[in-house]
Amino acid sequence: MKKFRIPILLALAVALATTSTVAAQSFRDDSNHSSSSPAFLTSMSTEAEPSLFESSLVQKNEELEQRMSRLEAELNQSRQVGVDPGVSIEQHLLRQEAGTGGLFGSIEITFLQPSISGVQSVFGSGTGRLLDTSYQTGVRYVLGYVSDSGLGVRGRYWSFDNSTGYSPPFAPAMFGIHVQAADTEVTMAQRMRHIDLEFSGGLRYGQLKYTNPPLTLYGPGTVSFEGVGPTASLNAQRSLGNSGFSLFGNVRGSVMIGDIRTASLLLNIPAGSIEDEVMTVFENQLGVAWNYHLTNQMLLEVRTAWETQYWANSTLEDDFYGIGSNLALMGPTLAVELRY
């Protein structure tokens, strides 16, 4: 019995040792596996956070670089035109202090040459020149108000009251040309990049009248149109750096409905009136402006432009009796405007 006791005890000891070794190894494997998972997740979170932070920093740096590039470009431009950057900043601050809105008024002198189509038809020939036209003066008054938002109101009145001489053999007789236009409109100013835009729309009263003395081929009399209708305009202005100068251009269109009254420019045409006639008017200007701050709240602007107008009516352009006609005016203008 003693012979078998020792081997059995040895076998039990070996079995117990093997079992403990396997259990310990399994425990270590489980612990290593469980500890490795949080480490992996931690590494992912620590790697993800710097990645988002770095991308945000890169974006901010790019924005700062773009702003610095724009500032450097503006500074170089001001140096090229010979303007002190300090003066430019001061002018910008003055504009901010004064605001963009306020009252404004202007006086504009027009030097326009009239051209009348069809008045030579009474000769039965297209040659020669019946009227000897020249540049003649007119006056335009403008008064208005604009708010800081760009919305405003404006009133305009223009008058052209002149006479032009006949060519020989009817000289020194004079042919009268009288034009009036009064506008009441709403305006809207808007800045688009470097261009200042202004839109307007409203109502126009207009009158066009021809008068003729008795000492010509025509008989004594008058022909006139008088009507009311909508008017609309667009003005664009582009500053030339910080020099105070700018280029501008504008267009305006009007459609008026009214009556034509005639006291007969020819003896065989009876006096009378024609109702519901349509007169269309097209106007445009191209020119240069200069502005200067008189005070922190007052701006002076001087403008000069080349202006063109065309007044057209289908009845007036009918030259069967030689009385036609549509009117074109063109020439330089000079305006002075104050804004407060």
C-alpha atoms as a PDB file:
ATOM      1  CA  MET A   1       0.000   0.000   0.000  1.00  0.00           C
ATOM      2  CA  LYS A   2       2.871   2.348   0.723  1.00  0.00           C
ATOM      3  CA  LYS A   3       4.275   1.591  -2.702  1.00  0.00           C
ATOM      4  CA  PHE A   4       1.208   3.014  -4.418  1.00  0.00           C
ATOM      5  CA  ARG A   5       0.682   6.058  -2.047  1.00  0.00           C
ATOM      6  CA  ILE A   6       3.692   8.037  -3.238  1.00  0.00           C
ATOM      7  CA  PRO A   7       2.959   7.837  -7.006  1.00  0.00           C
ATOM      8  CA  ILE A   8      -0.674   8.810  -6.425  1.00  0.00           C
ATOM      9  CA  LEU A   9       0.336  11.856  -4.401  1.00  0.00           C
ATOM     10  CA  LEU A  10       2.826  12.874  -7.086  1.00  0.00           C
ATOM     11  CA  ALA A  11       0.164  12.572  -9.771  1.00  0.00           C
ATOM     12  CA  LEU A  12      -2.267  14.723  -7.786  1.00  0.00           C
ATOM     13  CA  ALA A  13       0.394  17.397  -7.257  1.00  0.00           C
ATOM     14  CA  VAL A  14       1.237  17.541 -10.966  1.00  0.00           C
ATOM     15  CA  ALA A  15      -2.447  17.845 -11.889  1.00  0.00           C
ATOM     16  CA  LEU A  16      -3.009  20.648  -9.401  1.00  0.00           C
ATOM     17  CA  ALA A  17       0.062  22.547 -10.693  1.00  0.00           C
ATOM     18  CA  THR A  18      -1.031  22.188 -14.309  1.00  0.00           C
ATOM     19  CA  THR A  19      -4.556  23.419 -13.511  1.00  0.00           C
ATOM     20  CA  SER A  20      -3.287  26.492 -11.627  1.00  0.00           C
ATOM     21  CA  THR A  21      -0.895  27.347 -14.434  1.00  0.00           C
ATOM     22  CA  VAL A  22      -3.642  27.209 -17.062  1.00  0.00           C
ATOM     23  CA  ALA A  23      -5.977  29.301 -14.897  1.00  0.00           C
ATOM     24  CA  ALA A  24      -3.305  31.897 -14.260  1.00  0.00           C
ATOM     25  CA  GLN A  25      -2.489  32.129 -17.964  1.00  0.00           C
ATOM     26  CA  SER A  26      -6.167  32.491 -18.845  1.00  0.00           C
ATOM     27  CA  PHE A  27      -6.578  35.252 -16.229  1.00  0.00           C
ATOM     28  CA  ARG A  28      -3.603  37.132 -17.632  1.00  0.00           C
ATOM     29  CA  ASP A  29      -4.959  36.876 -21.149  1.00  0.00           C
ATOM     30  CA  ASP A  30      -8.347  38.182 -20.053  1.00  0.00           C
ATOM     31  CA  SER A  31      -6.812  41.043 -18.127  1.00  0.00           C
ATOM     32  CA  ASN A  32      -4.573  41.983 -21.033  1.00  0.00           C
ATOM     33  CA  HIS A  33      -7.511  41.939 -23.429  1.00  0.00           C
ATOM     34  CA  SER A  34      -9.703  44.014 -21.149  1.00  0.00           C
ATOM     35  CA  SER A  35      -6.977  46.569 -20.524  1.00  0.00           C
ATOM     36  CA  SER A  36      -6.059  46.871 -24.213  1.00  0.00           C
ATOM     37  CA  SER A  37      -9.561  47.965 -25.282  1.00  0.00           C
ATOM     38  CA  PRO A  38      -9.686  51.159 -23.169  1.00  0.00           C
ATOM     39  CA  ALA A  39      -6.172  52.017 -24.296  1.00  0.00           C
ATOM     40  CA  PHE A  40      -7.243  51.755 -27.947  1.00  0.00           C
ATOM     41  CA  LEU A  41     -10.311  53.887 -27.356  1.00  0.00           C
ATOM     42  CA  THR A  42      -8.258  56.425 -25.444  1.00  0.00           C
ATOM     43  CA  SER A  43      -5.741  56.649 -28.263  1.00  0.00           C
ATOM     44  CA  MET A  44      -8.554  57.214 -30.761  1.00  0.00           C
ATOM     45  CA  SER A  45     -10.097  60.005 -28.688  1.00  0.00           C
ATOM     46  CA  THR A  46      -6.741  61.682 -28.075  1.00  0.00           C
ATOM     47  CA  GLU A  47      -5.935  61.461 -31.785  1.00  0.00           C
ATOM     48  CA  ALA A  48      -9.369  62.768 -32.891  1.00  0.00           C
ATOM     49  CA  GLU A  49      -9.353  65.800 -30.590  1.00  0.00           C
ATOM     50  CA  PRO A  50      -6.039  67.277 -31.860  1.00  0.00           C
ATOM     51  CA  SER A  51      -7.179  66.652 -35.451  1.00  0.00           C
ATOM     52  CA  LEU A  52     -10.314  68.832 -35.089  1.00  0.00           C
ATOM     53  CA  PHE A  53      -8.421  71.496 -33.160  1.00  0.00           C
ATOM     54  CA  GLU A  54      -5.659  71.647 -35.767  1.00  0.00           C
ATOM     55  CA  SER A  55      -8.146  71.992 -38.667  1.00  0.00           C
ATOM     56  CA  SER A  56      -9.848  74.890 -36.867  1.00  0.00           C
ATOM     57  CA  LEU A  57      -6.495  76.609 -36.380  1.00  0.00           C
ATOM     58  CA  VAL A  58      -5.628  76.154 -40.054  1.00  0.00           C
ATOM     59  CA  GLN A  59      -8.941  77.719 -41.115  1.00  0.00           C
ATOM     60  CA  LYS A  60      -8.465  80.718 -38.825  1.00  0.00           C
ATOM     61  CA  ASN A  61      -4.929  81.244 -40.107  1.00  0.00           C
ATOM     62  CA  GLU A  62      -6.160  81.211 -43.713  1.00  0.00           C
ATOM     63  CA  GLU A  63      -8.810  83.827 -42.916  1.00  0.00           C
ATOM     64  CA  LEU A  64      -6.235  86.053 -41.208  1.00  0.00           C
ATOM     65  CA  GLU A  65      -3.873  85.724 -44.158  1.00  0.00           C
ATOM     66  CA  GLN A  66      -6.643  86.732 -46.580  1.00  0.00           C
ATOM     67  CA  ARG A  67      -7.516  89.797 -44.505  1.00  0.00           C
ATOM     68  CA  MET A  68      -3.874  90.818 -44.292  1.00  0.00           C
ATOM     69  CA  SER A  69      -3.543  90.429 -48.072  1.00  0.00           C
ATOM     70  CA  ARG A  70      -6.556  92.709 -48.654  1.00  0.00           C
ATOM     71  CA  LEU A  71      -5.203  95.334 -46.264  1.00  0.00           C
ATOM     72  CA  GLU A  72      -1.793  95.231 -47.933  1.00  0.00           C
ATOM     73  CA  ALA A  73      -3.410  95.631 -51.364  1.00  0.00           C
ATOM     74  CA  GLU A  74      -5.427  98.667 -50.213  1.00  0.00           C
ATOM     75  CA  LEU A  75      -2.316 100.195 -48.638  1.00  0.00           C
ATOM     76  CA  ASN A  76      -0.301  99.679 -51.830  1.00  0.00           C
ATOM     77  CA  GLN A  77      -3.092 101.217 -53.895  1.00  0.00           C
ATOM     78  CA  SER A  78      -3.201 104.303 -51.684  1.00  0.00           C
ATOM     79  CA  ARG A  79       0.566 104.662 -51.975  1.00  0.00           C
ATOM     80  CA  GLN A  80       0.425 104.366 -55.764  1.00  0.00           C
ATOM     81  CA  VAL A  81      -2.047 107.225 -56.097  1.00  0.00           C
ATOM     82  CA  GLY A  82       0.014 109.330 -53.683  1.00  0.00           C
ATOM     83  CA  VAL A  83      -2.526 109.461 -50.853  1.00  0.00           C
ATOM     84  CA  ASP A  84      -1.480 109.374 -47.225  1.00  0.00           C
ATOM     85  CA  PRO A  85      -3.091 106.307 -45.549  1.00  0.00           C
ATOM     86  CA  GLY A  86      -3.745 108.433 -42.477  1.00  0.00           C
ATOM     87  CA  VAL A  87      -5.747 110.894 -44.575  1.00  0.00           C
ATOM     88  CA  SER A  88      -7.693 108.022 -46.138  1.00  0.00           C
ATOM     89  CA  ILE A  89      -8.599 106.662 -42.702  1.00  0.00           C
ATOM     90  CA  GLU A  90      -9.611 110.136 -41.551  1.00  0.00           C
ATOM     91  CA  GLN A  91     -11.908 110.588 -44.545  1.00  0.00           C
ATOM     92  CA  HIS A  92     -13.474 107.181 -43.878  1.00  0.00           C
ATOM     93  CA  LEU A  93     -14.119 108.156 -40.257  1.00  0.00           C
ATOM     94  CA  LEU A  94     -15.651 111.445 -41.404  1.00  0.00           C
ATOM     95  CA  ARG A  95     -18.046 109.570 -43.681  1.00  0.00           C
ATOM     96  CA  GLN A  96     -19.016 107.278 -40.826  1.00  0.00           C
ATOM     97  CA  GLU A  97     -19.609 110.255 -38.524  1.00  0.00           C
ATOM     98  CA  ALA A  98     -21.692 112.089 -41.117  1.00  0.00           C
ATOM     99  CA  GLY A  99     -23.656 108.969 -42.057  1.00  0.00           C
ATOM    100  CA  THR A 100     -24.918 108.096 -45.512  1.00  0.00           C
ATOM    101  CA  GLY A 101     -28.308 109.817 -45.216  1.00  0.00           C
ATOM    102  CA  GLY A 102     -29.469 113.414 -45.098  1.00  0.00           C
ATOM    103  CA  LEU A 103     -30.794 116.305 -47.142  1.00  0.00           C
ATOM    104  CA  PHE A 104     -29.338 117.183 -50.531  1.00  0.00           C
ATOM    105  CA  GLY A 105     -29.941 119.747 -53.230  1.00  0.00           C
ATOM    106  CA  SER A 106     -28.316 120.665 -56.529  1.00  0.00           C
ATOM    107  CA  ILE A 107     -28.413 123.186 -59.354  1.00  0.00           C
ATOM    108  CA  GLU A 108     -27.461 122.012 -62.834  1.00  0.00           C
ATOM    109  CA  ILE A 109     -26.900 124.203 -65.873  1.00  0.00           C
ATOM    110  CA  THR A 110     -27.472 122.463 -69.214  1.00  0.00           C
ATOM    111  CA  PHE A 111     -25.940 123.687 -72.495  1.00  0.00           C
ATOM    112  CA  LEU A 112     -27.936 121.731 -75.071  1.00  0.00           C
ATOM    113  CA  GLN A 113     -28.267 122.026 -78.823  1.00  0.00           C
ATOM    114  CA  PRO A 114     -31.776 121.238 -80.174  1.00  0.00           C
ATOM    115  CA  SER A 115     -32.322 119.231 -83.349  1.00  0.00           C
ATOM    116  CA  ILE A 116     -35.790 118.952 -84.890  1.00  0.00           C
ATOM    117  CA  SER A 117     -36.490 116.202 -87.386  1.00  0.00           C
ATOM    118  CA  GLY A 118     -38.637 116.799 -90.454  1.00  0.00           C
ATOM    119  CA  VAL A 119     -38.979 120.583 -90.434  1.00  0.00           C
ATOM    120  CA  GLN A 120     -37.415 120.778 -93.883  1.00  0.00           C
ATOM    121  CA  SER A 121     -40.139 118.712 -95.534  1.00  0.00           C
ATOM    122  CA  VAL A 122     -42.090 121.836 -96.525  1.00  0.00           C
ATOM    123  CA  PHE A 123     -39.406 122.534 -99.113  1.00  0.00           C
ATOM    124  CA  GLY A 124     -40.073 119.196-100.808  1.00  0.00           C
ATOM    125  CA  SER A 125     -36.376 118.427-100.458  1.00  0.00           C
ATOM    126  CA  GLY A 126     -34.099 116.927 -97.872  1.00  0.00           C
ATOM    127  CA  THR A 127     -31.272 119.335 -98.631  1.00  0.00           C
ATOM    128  CA  GLY A 128     -30.538 122.592 -96.907  1.00  0.00           C
ATOM    129  CA  ARG A 129     -31.090 123.611 -93.319  1.00  0.00           C
ATOM    130  CA  LEU A 130     -34.215 125.393 -92.162  1.00  0.00           C
ATOM    131  CA  LEU A 131     -33.184 126.119 -88.554  1.00  0.00           C
ATOM    132  CA  ASP A 132     -29.785 127.392 -87.470  1.00  0.00           C
ATOM    133  CA  THR A 133     -29.558 125.799 -83.999  1.00  0.00           C
ATOM    134  CA  SER A 134     -26.885 126.456 -81.380  1.00  0.00           C
ATOM    135  CA  TYR A 135     -26.132 125.461 -77.769  1.00  0.00           C
ATOM    136  CA  GLN A 136     -28.644 127.064 -75.420  1.00  0.00           C
ATOM    137  CA  THR A 137     -29.014 127.067 -71.658  1.00  0.00           C
ATOM    138  CA  GLY A 138     -31.497 125.379 -69.371  1.00  0.00           C
ATOM    139  CA  VAL A 139     -31.651 124.930 -65.601  1.00  0.00           C
ATOM    140  CA  ARG A 140     -32.368 121.820 -63.523  1.00  0.00           C
ATOM    141  CA  TYR A 141     -33.182 121.975 -59.795  1.00  0.00           C
ATOM    142  CA  VAL A 142     -33.052 118.901 -57.526  1.00  0.00           C
ATOM    143  CA  LEU A 143     -34.080 118.618 -53.871  1.00  0.00           C
ATOM    144  CA  GLY A 144     -34.384 115.434 -51.826  1.00  0.00           C
ATOM    145  CA  TYR A 145     -33.775 113.378 -48.726  1.00  0.00           C
ATOM    146  CA  VAL A 146     -32.197 109.935 -48.271  1.00  0.00           C
ATOM    147  CA  SER A 147     -32.124 107.844 -45.085  1.00  0.00           C
ATOM    148  CA  ASP A 148     -29.191 105.817 -43.781  1.00  0.00           C
ATOM    149  CA  SER A 149     -30.867 102.702 -45.169  1.00  0.00           C
ATOM    150  CA  GLY A 150     -30.626 104.142 -48.716  1.00  0.00           C
ATOM    151  CA  LEU A 151     -34.347 104.806 -49.195  1.00  0.00           C
ATOM    152  CA  GLY A 152     -35.247 108.376 -50.112  1.00  0.00           C
ATOM    153  CA  VAL A 153     -37.477 110.816 -51.982  1.00  0.00           C
ATOM    154  CA  ARG A 154     -36.530 113.365 -54.639  1.00  0.00           C
ATOM    155  CA  GLY A 155     -38.048 116.170 -56.665  1.00  0.00           C
ATOM    156  CA  ARG A 156     -36.603 117.458 -59.969  1.00  0.00           C
ATOM    157  CA  TYR A 157     -37.541 120.313 -62.283  1.00  0.00           C
ATOM    158  CA  TRP A 158     -35.905 121.176 -65.615  1.00  0.00           C
ATOM    159  CA  SER A 159     -36.754 124.045 -67.945  1.00  0.00           C
ATOM    160  CA  PHE A 160     -35.495 124.810 -71.460  1.00  0.00           C
ATOM    161  CA  ASP A 161     -37.029 127.998 -72.859  1.00  0.00           C
ATOM    162  CA  ASN A 162     -35.211 129.240 -75.948  1.00  0.00           C
ATOM    163  CA  SER A 163     -35.596 130.327 -79.544  1.00  0.00           C
ATOM    164  CA  THR A 164     -33.471 129.321 -82.485  1.00  0.00           C
ATOM    165  CA  GLY A 165     -33.001 131.292 -85.679  1.00  0.00           C
ATOM    166  CA  TYR A 166     -34.144 130.410 -89.151  1.00  0.00           C
ATOM    167  CA  SER A 167     -31.622 130.025 -91.914  1.00  0.00           C
ATOM    168  CA  PRO A 168     -31.800 132.462 -94.881  1.00  0.00           C
ATOM    169  CA  PRO A 169     -34.015 133.562 -96.524  1.00  0.00           C
ATOM    170  CA  PHE A 170     -36.210 133.554 -93.395  1.00  0.00           C
ATOM    171  CA  ALA A 171     -33.623 135.012 -91.009  1.00  0.00           C
ATOM    172  CA  PRO A 172     -33.762 136.850 -88.644  1.00  0.00           C
ATOM    173  CA  ALA A 173     -37.093 135.232 -87.665  1.00  0.00           C
ATOM    174  CA  MET A 174     -36.967 132.926 -84.635  1.00  0.00           C
ATOM    175  CA  PHE A 175     -38.552 129.540 -83.938  1.00  0.00           C
ATOM    176  CA  GLY A 176     -39.396 128.966 -80.258  1.00  0.00           C
ATOM    177  CA  ILE A 177     -38.649 125.697 -78.412  1.00  0.00           C
ATOM    178  CA  HIS A 178     -39.999 125.360 -74.869  1.00  0.00           C
ATOM    179  CA  VAL A 179     -39.575 122.218 -72.740  1.00  0.00           C
ATOM    180  CA  GLN A 180     -40.484 121.519 -69.095  1.00  0.00           C
ATOM    181  CA  ALA A 181     -40.122 118.359 -67.025  1.00  0.00           C
ATOM    182  CA  ALA A 182     -41.037 117.900 -63.349  1.00  0.00           C
ATOM    183  CA  ASP A 183     -40.389 114.595 -61.535  1.00  0.00           C
ATOM    184  CA  THR A 184     -41.464 113.316 -58.119  1.00  0.00           C
ATOM    185  CA  GLU A 185     -39.916 109.965 -57.277  1.00  0.00           C
ATOM    186  CA  VAL A 186     -38.764 107.461 -54.695  1.00  0.00           C
ATOM    187  CA  THR A 187     -35.072 106.525 -54.708  1.00  0.00           C
ATOM    188  CA  MET A 188     -33.115 103.520 -53.461  1.00  0.00           C
ATOM    189  CA  ALA A 189     -29.322 103.583 -53.096  1.00  0.00           C
ATOM    190  CA  GLN A 190     -27.284 100.383 -52.946  1.00  0.00           C
ATOM    191  CA  ARG A 191     -23.538  99.682 -53.006  1.00  0.00           C
ATOM    192  CA  MET A 192     -22.326  96.756 -55.133  1.00  0.00           C
ATOM    193  CA  ARG A 193     -18.612  96.125 -54.517  1.00  0.00           C
ATOM    194  CA  HIS A 194     -16.945  99.375 -55.699  1.00  0.00           C
ATOM    195  CA  ILE A 195     -19.969 100.815 -57.544  1.00  0.00           C
ATOM    196  CA  ASP A 196     -22.690 102.984 -55.980  1.00  0.00           C
ATOM    197  CA  LEU A 197     -26.061 102.292 -57.590  1.00  0.00           C
ATOM    198  CA  GLU A 198     -29.223 104.361 -57.319  1.00  0.00           C
ATOM    199  CA  PHE A 199     -32.632 103.314 -58.613  1.00  0.00           C
ATOM    200  CA  SER A 200     -35.625 105.633 -58.826  1.00  0.00           C
ATOM    201  CA  GLY A 201     -39.227 105.491 -59.906  1.00  0.00           C
ATOM    202  CA  GLY A 202     -42.036 108.000 -59.843  1.00  0.00           C
ATOM    203  CA  LEU A 203     -44.275 110.364 -61.791  1.00  0.00           C
ATOM    204  CA  ARG A 204     -43.395 112.947 -64.455  1.00  0.00           C
ATOM    205  CA  TYR A 205     -45.207 115.986 -65.791  1.00  0.00           C
ATOM    206  CA  GLY A 206     -43.885 117.116 -69.175  1.00  0.00           C
ATOM    207  CA  GLN A 207     -44.547 119.825 -71.752  1.00  0.00           C
ATOM    208  CA  LEU A 208     -43.097 120.356 -75.214  1.00  0.00           C
ATOM    209  CA  LYS A 209     -44.096 123.428 -77.210  1.00  0.00           C
ATOM    210  CA  TYR A 210     -43.110 124.916 -80.568  1.00  0.00           C
ATOM    211  CA  THR A 211     -43.952 128.561 -81.368  1.00  0.00           C
ATOM    212  CA  ASN A 212     -43.619 130.341 -84.680  1.00  0.00           C
ATOM    213  CA  PRO A 213     -43.857 134.040 -85.698  1.00  0.00           C
ATOM    214  CA  PRO A 214     -45.681 135.181 -88.853  1.00  0.00           C
ATOM    215  CA  LEU A 215     -42.594 136.263 -90.824  1.00  0.00           C
ATOM    216  CA  THR A 216     -41.767 132.851 -92.316  1.00  0.00           C
ATOM    217  CA  LEU A 217     -43.062 130.224 -94.665  1.00  0.00           C
ATOM    218  CA  TYR A 218     -45.083 128.914 -91.709  1.00  0.00           C
ATOM    219  CA  GLY A 219     -48.089 130.772 -90.470  1.00  0.00           C
ATOM    220  CA  PRO A 220     -48.276 132.096 -86.904  1.00  0.00           C
ATOM    221  CA  GLY A 221     -49.176 129.544 -84.300  1.00  0.00           C
ATOM    222  CA  THR A 222     -48.115 126.954 -81.748  1.00  0.00           C
ATOM    223  CA  VAL A 223     -48.021 123.194 -81.372  1.00  0.00           C
ATOM    224  CA  SER A 224     -47.696 121.754 -77.870  1.00  0.00           C
ATOM    225  CA  PHE A 225     -47.864 118.480 -75.984  1.00  0.00           C
ATOM    226  CA  GLU A 226     -48.715 118.300 -72.280  1.00  0.00           C
ATOM    227  CA  GLY A 227     -49.033 115.079 -70.286  1.00  0.00           C
ATOM    228  CA  VAL A 228     -48.282 112.985 -67.210  1.00  0.00           C
ATOM    229  CA  GLY A 229     -46.817 109.493 -66.810  1.00  0.00           C
ATOM    230  CA  PRO A 230     -44.330 107.207 -65.084  1.00  0.00           C
ATOM    231  CA  THR A 231     -40.585 107.778 -65.034  1.00  0.00           C
ATOM    232  CA  ALA A 232     -37.697 105.551 -63.910  1.00  0.00           C
ATOM    233  CA  SER A 233     -33.926 105.947 -63.773  1.00  0.00           C
ATOM    234  CA  LEU A 234     -30.693 104.147 -62.920  1.00  0.00           C
ATOM    235  CA  ASN A 235     -27.486 105.908 -61.833  1.00  0.00           C
ATOM    236  CA  ALA A 236     -24.078 104.249 -61.334  1.00  0.00           C
ATOM    237  CA  GLN A 237     -20.974 105.890 -59.835  1.00  0.00           C
ATOM    238  CA  ARG A 238     -17.432 104.476 -59.435  1.00  0.00           C
ATOM    239  CA  SER A 239     -14.870 106.174 -57.191  1.00  0.00           C
ATOM    240  CA  LEU A 240     -11.297 106.518 -58.471  1.00  0.00           C
ATOM    241  CA  GLY A 241      -9.353 105.450 -55.387  1.00  0.00           C
ATOM    242  CA  ASN A 242      -9.239 108.063 -52.631  1.00  0.00           C
ATOM    243  CA  SER A 243      -8.692 111.009 -54.978  1.00  0.00           C
ATOM    244  CA  GLY A 244     -12.227 112.374 -54.551  1.00  0.00           C
ATOM    245  CA  PHE A 245     -12.937 111.894 -58.285  1.00  0.00           C
ATOM    246  CA  SER A 246     -15.415 109.415 -59.690  1.00  0.00           C
ATOM    247  CA  LEU A 247     -16.983 108.362 -62.982  1.00  0.00           C
ATOM    248  CA  PHE A 248     -20.762 108.215 -63.315  1.00  0.00           C
ATOM    249  CA  GLY A 249     -23.478 107.467 -65.811  1.00  0.00           C
ATOM    250  CA  ASN A 250     -27.261 107.433 -65.727  1.00  0.00           C
ATOM    251  CA  VAL A 251     -30.226 106.587 -67.917  1.00  0.00           C
ATOM    252  CA  ARG A 252     -33.868 107.646 -67.580  1.00  0.00           C
ATOM    253  CA  GLY A 253     -37.023 106.694 -69.415  1.00  0.00           C
ATOM    254  CA  SER A 254     -40.459 108.336 -69.245  1.00  0.00           C
ATOM    255  CA  VAL A 255     -43.817 107.616 -70.875  1.00  0.00           C
ATOM    256  CA  MET A 256     -46.437 110.378 -70.714  1.00  0.00           C
ATOM    257  CA  ILE A 257     -50.040 110.400 -71.859  1.00  0.00           C
ATOM    258  CA  GLY A 258     -51.632 113.734 -72.682  1.00  0.00           C
ATOM    259  CA  ASP A 259     -53.009 116.054 -75.361  1.00  0.00           C
ATOM    260  CA  ILE A 260     -51.538 117.785 -78.402  1.00  0.00           C
ATOM    261  CA  ARG A 261     -52.904 121.274 -78.978  1.00  0.00           C
ATOM    262  CA  THR A 262     -52.296 123.188 -82.178  1.00  0.00           C
ATOM    263  CA  ALA A 263     -53.060 126.756 -83.199  1.00  0.00           C
ATOM    264  CA  SER A 264     -51.865 125.841 -86.700  1.00  0.00           C
ATOM    265  CA  LEU A 265     -48.330 126.322 -87.916  1.00  0.00           C
ATOM    266  CA  LEU A 266     -49.716 126.167 -91.456  1.00  0.00           C
ATOM    267  CA  LEU A 267     -52.738 128.139 -92.595  1.00  0.00           C
ATOM    268  CA  ASN A 268     -54.505 125.081 -94.035  1.00  0.00           C
ATOM    269  CA  ILE A 269     -54.490 123.207 -90.700  1.00  0.00           C
ATOM    270  CA  PRO A 270     -57.299 124.176 -88.322  1.00  0.00           C
ATOM    271  CA  ALA A 271     -56.684 124.793 -84.634  1.00  0.00           C
ATOM    272  CA  GLY A 272     -57.708 122.000 -82.316  1.00  0.00           C
ATOM    273  CA  SER A 273     -56.515 119.288 -79.945  1.00  0.00           C
ATOM    274  CA  ILE A 274     -55.720 115.578 -80.145  1.00  0.00           C
ATOM    275  CA  GLU A 275     -56.365 113.608 -76.988  1.00  0.00           C
ATOM    276  CA  ASP A 276     -54.681 110.520 -75.504  1.00  0.00           C
ATOM    277  CA  GLU A 277     -51.366 111.055 -77.242  1.00  0.00           C
ATOM    278  CA  VAL A 278     -48.245 109.225 -75.976  1.00  0.00           C
ATOM    279  CA  MET A 279     -44.885 110.959 -75.605  1.00  0.00           C
ATOM    280  CA  THR A 280     -41.792 108.885 -74.821  1.00  0.00           C
ATOM    281  CA  VAL A 281     -38.635 110.501 -73.479  1.00  0.00           C
ATOM    282  CA  PHE A 282     -35.170 108.960 -73.223  1.00  0.00           C
ATOM    283  CA  GLU A 283     -32.317 110.676 -71.342  1.00  0.00           C
ATOM    284  CA  ASN A 284     -28.772 109.752 -70.402  1.00  0.00           C
ATOM    285  CA  GLN A 285     -25.598 111.304 -68.957  1.00  0.00           C
ATOM    286  CA  LEU A 286     -21.932 110.273 -68.872  1.00  0.00           C
ATOM    287  CA  GLY A 287     -19.475 112.313 -66.843  1.00  0.00           C
ATOM    288  CA  VAL A 288     -16.976 112.944 -64.054  1.00  0.00           C
ATOM    289  CA  ALA A 289     -17.670 114.037 -60.460  1.00  0.00           C
ATOM    290  CA  TRP A 290     -15.481 115.453 -57.665  1.00  0.00           C
ATOM    291  CA  ASN A 291     -16.478 115.597 -53.994  1.00  0.00           C
ATOM    292  CA  TYR A 292     -14.993 117.324 -50.951  1.00  0.00           C
ATOM    293  CA  HIS A 293     -15.965 117.356 -47.252  1.00  0.00           C
ATOM    294  CA  LEU A 294     -16.578 120.974 -46.274  1.00  0.00           C
ATOM    295  CA  THR A 295     -17.277 119.893 -42.678  1.00  0.00           C
ATOM    296  CA  ASN A 296     -17.812 116.633 -40.854  1.00  0.00           C
ATOM    297  CA  GLN A 297     -21.483 116.749 -41.891  1.00  0.00           C
ATOM    298  CA  MET A 298     -21.472 118.589 -45.229  1.00  0.00           C
ATOM    299  CA  LEU A 299     -20.314 117.218 -48.579  1.00  0.00           C
ATOM    300  CA  LEU A 300     -19.791 119.254 -51.757  1.00  0.00           C
ATOM    301  CA  GLU A 301     -19.966 117.531 -55.150  1.00  0.00           C
ATOM    302  CA  VAL A 302     -19.266 119.075 -58.557  1.00  0.00           C
ATOM    303  CA  ARG A 303     -20.264 117.172 -61.704  1.00  0.00           C
ATOM    304  CA  THR A 304     -19.836 117.675 -65.413  1.00  0.00           C
ATOM    305  CA  ALA A 305     -21.384 115.412 -68.039  1.00  0.00           C
ATOM    306  CA  TRP A 306     -22.512 115.025 -71.629  1.00  0.00           C
ATOM    307  CA  GLU A 307     -26.296 114.784 -71.754  1.00  0.00           C
ATOM    308  CA  THR A 308     -28.638 113.509 -74.454  1.00  0.00           C
ATOM    309  CA  GLN A 309     -32.450 113.750 -74.567  1.00  0.00           C
ATOM    310  CA  TYR A 310     -34.940 112.522 -77.147  1.00  0.00           C
ATOM    311  CA  TRP A 311     -38.659 113.447 -77.089  1.00  0.00           C
ATOM    312  CA  ALA A 312     -40.729 111.359 -79.526  1.00  0.00           C
ATOM    313  CA  ASN A 313     -44.401 111.271 -80.475  1.00  0.00           C
ATOM    314  CA  SER A 314     -45.929 109.483 -83.460  1.00  0.00           C
ATOM    315  CA  THR A 315     -48.226 112.415 -84.342  1.00  0.00           C
ATOM    316  CA  LEU A 316     -45.513 115.038 -84.187  1.00  0.00           C
ATOM    317  CA  GLU A 317     -43.217 112.963 -86.368  1.00  0.00           C
ATOM    318  CA  ASP A 318     -45.844 112.876 -89.151  1.00  0.00           C
ATOM    319  CA  ASP A 319     -44.463 115.498 -91.519  1.00  0.00           C
ATOM    320  CA  PHE A 320     -47.170 115.346 -94.172  1.00  0.00           C
ATOM    321  CA  TYR A 321     -48.018 118.978 -93.534  1.00  0.00           C
ATOM    322  CA  GLY A 322     -44.478 119.981 -92.660  1.00  0.00           C
ATOM    323  CA  ILE A 323     -45.203 120.688 -89.011  1.00  0.00           C
ATOM    324  CA  GLY A 324     -43.399 117.635 -87.540  1.00  0.00           C
ATOM    325  CA  SER A 325     -41.490 117.012 -85.302  1.00  0.00           C
ATOM    326  CA  ASN A 326     -39.637 115.067 -82.636  1.00  0.00           C
ATOM    327  CA  LEU A 327     -37.002 116.846 -80.594  1.00  0.00           C
ATOM    328  CA  ALA A 328     -33.442 115.818 -79.724  1.00  0.00           C
ATOM    329  CA  LEU A 329     -31.157 117.765 -77.393  1.00  0.00           C
ATOM    330  CA  MET A 330     -27.517 117.135 -76.574  1.00  0.00           C
ATOM    331  CA  GLY A 331     -24.619 118.936 -74.987  1.00  0.00           C
ATOM    332  CA  PRO A 332     -22.547 119.449 -71.795  1.00  0.00           C
ATOM    333  CA  THR A 333     -23.896 120.078 -68.291  1.00  0.00           C
ATOM    334  CA  LEU A 334     -22.416 121.418 -65.052  1.00  0.00           C
ATOM    335  CA  ALA A 335     -23.914 120.692 -61.622  1.00  0.00           C
ATOM    336  CA  VAL A 336     -23.127 121.672 -58.018  1.00  0.00           C
ATOM    337  CA  GLU A 337     -24.618 119.610 -55.186  1.00  0.00           C
ATOM    338  CA  LEU A 338     -24.578 119.939 -51.380  1.00  0.00           C
ATOM    339  CA  ARG A 339     -25.331 117.046 -49.019  1.00  0.00           C
ATOM    340  CA  TYR A 340     -25.981 117.561 -45.319  1.00  0.00           C
END
